[in-house]
Amino acid sequence: QVQLVESGGGLVQAGGSLKLSCVVSGSLFSYTRFYWYRQAPGKQREFLANIESTGYTYYTSSIKGRFTISRDNDKNTVYLQMDSLKPEDTAVYSCAAAIDGIGPDTWGQGTQVTVAS
């Protein structure tokens, strides 16, 4: 069974940076597409970025240029580097994987990111 465990969240001042990690168990890491999402209080979950097995990346426009998704196949880890953070980036950030289908179907528990103004 594939499991995803996020870490790296915390409290940061506006303009600061954080790097989130998502460690993935399972032997199919290299062949799997991964995603980062976030959910702010009272809002719907929002797609942020995904990364293909080839390394190809896609970002939603609201974070493009500030956030970078990457993967390390040797460490079974997906990252989200977040720069120039804003208070509106405050949310629970979750990674997900497309294991059985095209879209995300396996999720981590999430990590809280709080950006103070």
Protein backbone atom coordinates (compact mmCIF):
# COMPACT_ATOMS: atom_id res chain seq x y z
CA GLN A 1 0.00 0.00 0.00
CA VAL A 2 1.36 3.40 -0.96
CA GLN A 3 1.62 5.99 1.80
CA LEU A 4 2.54 9.66 1.56
CA VAL A 5 3.88 11.65 4.51
CA GLU A 6 4.35 15.41 4.27
CA SER A 7 6.63 17.54 6.41
CA GLY A 8 8.24 20.95 6.40
CA GLY A 9 5.29 23.16 7.21
CA GLY A 10 5.37 25.83 9.86
CA LEU A 11 5.11 29.53 10.58
CA VAL A 12 6.97 31.97 8.35
CA GLN A 13 6.92 35.73 7.80
CA ALA A 14 5.55 37.15 4.58
CA GLY A 15 8.26 37.16 1.93
CA GLY A 16 9.92 34.11 3.44
CA SER A 17 10.41 30.61 2.12
CA LEU A 18 9.56 27.06 3.09
CA LYS A 19 10.33 23.72 1.48
CA LEU A 20 7.79 20.97 1.89
CA SER A 21 8.69 17.31 1.54
CA CYS A 22 6.50 14.32 0.77
CA VAL A 23 8.09 10.94 1.41
CA VAL A 24 6.40 8.14 -0.48
CA SER A 25 6.46 4.45 0.38
CA GLY A 26 6.17 1.88 -2.36
CA SER A 27 8.26 0.64 -5.26
CA LEU A 28 6.54 2.45 -8.14
CA PHE A 29 7.67 5.94 -7.21
CA SER A 30 9.66 6.52 -10.41
CA TYR A 31 6.63 5.83 -12.61
CA THR A 32 4.08 7.87 -10.70
CA ARG A 33 2.66 11.34 -11.20
CA PHE A 34 2.54 13.45 -8.03
CA TYR A 35 0.61 16.56 -7.04
CA TRP A 36 0.57 19.30 -4.44
CA TYR A 37 -2.72 20.78 -3.27
CA ARG A 38 -3.70 23.15 -0.50
CA GLN A 39 -6.83 23.96 1.44
CA ALA A 40 -7.34 27.21 3.30
CA PRO A 41 -9.95 27.53 6.07
CA GLY A 42 -13.42 27.82 4.63
CA LYS A 43 -12.22 27.24 1.07
CA GLN A 44 -12.18 24.37 -1.37
CA ARG A 45 -9.06 22.37 -1.95
CA GLU A 46 -6.91 24.02 -4.60
CA PHE A 47 -4.60 22.34 -7.10
CA LEU A 48 -1.11 23.83 -7.11
CA ALA A 49 1.23 21.74 -9.24
CA ASN A 50 2.00 18.28 -10.54
CA ILE A 51 5.11 16.50 -11.73
CA GLU A 52 5.22 13.61 -14.18
CA SER A 53 7.50 10.58 -14.04
CA THR A 54 9.49 12.28 -16.79
CA GLY A 55 10.01 15.38 -14.64
CA TYR A 56 7.59 17.50 -16.63
CA THR A 57 5.86 20.01 -14.36
CA TYR A 58 2.65 22.00 -14.46
CA TYR A 59 1.58 24.86 -12.19
CA THR A 60 -1.58 26.74 -11.51
CA SER A 61 -1.22 30.40 -12.38
CA SER A 62 -1.63 31.72 -8.84
CA ILE A 63 1.69 30.23 -7.69
CA LYS A 64 3.66 30.07 -10.91
CA GLY A 65 7.05 31.68 -10.50
CA ARG A 66 6.96 31.45 -6.69
CA PHE A 67 6.58 27.71 -6.07
CA THR A 68 8.64 24.89 -7.56
CA ILE A 69 7.73 21.21 -7.54
CA SER A 70 10.50 18.64 -7.87
CA ARG A 71 11.17 14.99 -7.20
CA ASP A 72 14.07 12.82 -6.12
CA ASN A 73 13.52 9.28 -7.36
CA ASP A 74 16.44 7.97 -5.28
CA LYS A 75 14.85 9.28 -2.07
CA ASN A 76 11.21 8.56 -3.01
CA THR A 77 10.47 12.17 -2.17
CA VAL A 78 8.51 14.97 -3.80
CA TYR A 79 9.22 18.58 -2.84
CA LEU A 80 7.47 21.91 -3.01
CA GLN A 81 9.79 24.89 -2.69
CA MET A 82 7.76 27.95 -1.77
CA ASP A 83 9.30 31.41 -2.07
CA SER A 84 7.95 34.93 -1.64
CA LEU A 85 5.20 33.60 0.61
CA LYS A 86 2.12 35.71 1.21
CA PRO A 87 -0.47 35.59 4.01
CA GLU A 88 -2.97 34.22 1.50
CA ASP A 89 -0.73 31.16 1.08
CA THR A 90 -1.77 30.07 4.58
CA ALA A 91 -3.34 26.62 4.25
CA VAL A 92 -2.92 22.92 4.84
CA TYR A 93 -0.70 21.59 2.06
CA SER A 94 -1.10 18.01 0.88
CA CYS A 95 0.69 15.84 -1.60
CA ALA A 96 -1.10 13.24 -3.66
CA ALA A 97 -0.30 10.51 -6.13
CA ALA A 98 -2.01 9.03 -9.18
CA ILE A 99 -1.68 5.34 -8.36
CA ASP A 100 -4.67 3.62 -9.97
CA GLY A 101 -5.89 6.22 -12.41
CA ILE A 102 -5.25 9.48 -14.17
CA GLY A 103 -5.96 11.82 -11.27
CA PRO A 104 -4.85 11.97 -7.64
CA ASP A 105 -6.22 9.02 -5.68
CA THR A 106 -3.83 8.61 -2.78
CA TRP A 107 -3.27 11.42 -0.29
CA GLY A 108 -1.01 12.37 2.56
CA GLN A 109 -2.28 13.79 5.84
CA GLY A 110 -1.18 17.34 5.06
CA THR A 111 1.11 19.87 6.70
CA GLN A 112 0.10 23.31 7.98
CA VAL A 113 1.71 26.40 6.50
CA THR A 114 1.02 29.73 8.16
CA VAL A 115 2.32 32.98 6.70
CA ALA A 116 2.29 35.94 9.04
CA SER A 117 1.96 39.48 7.71
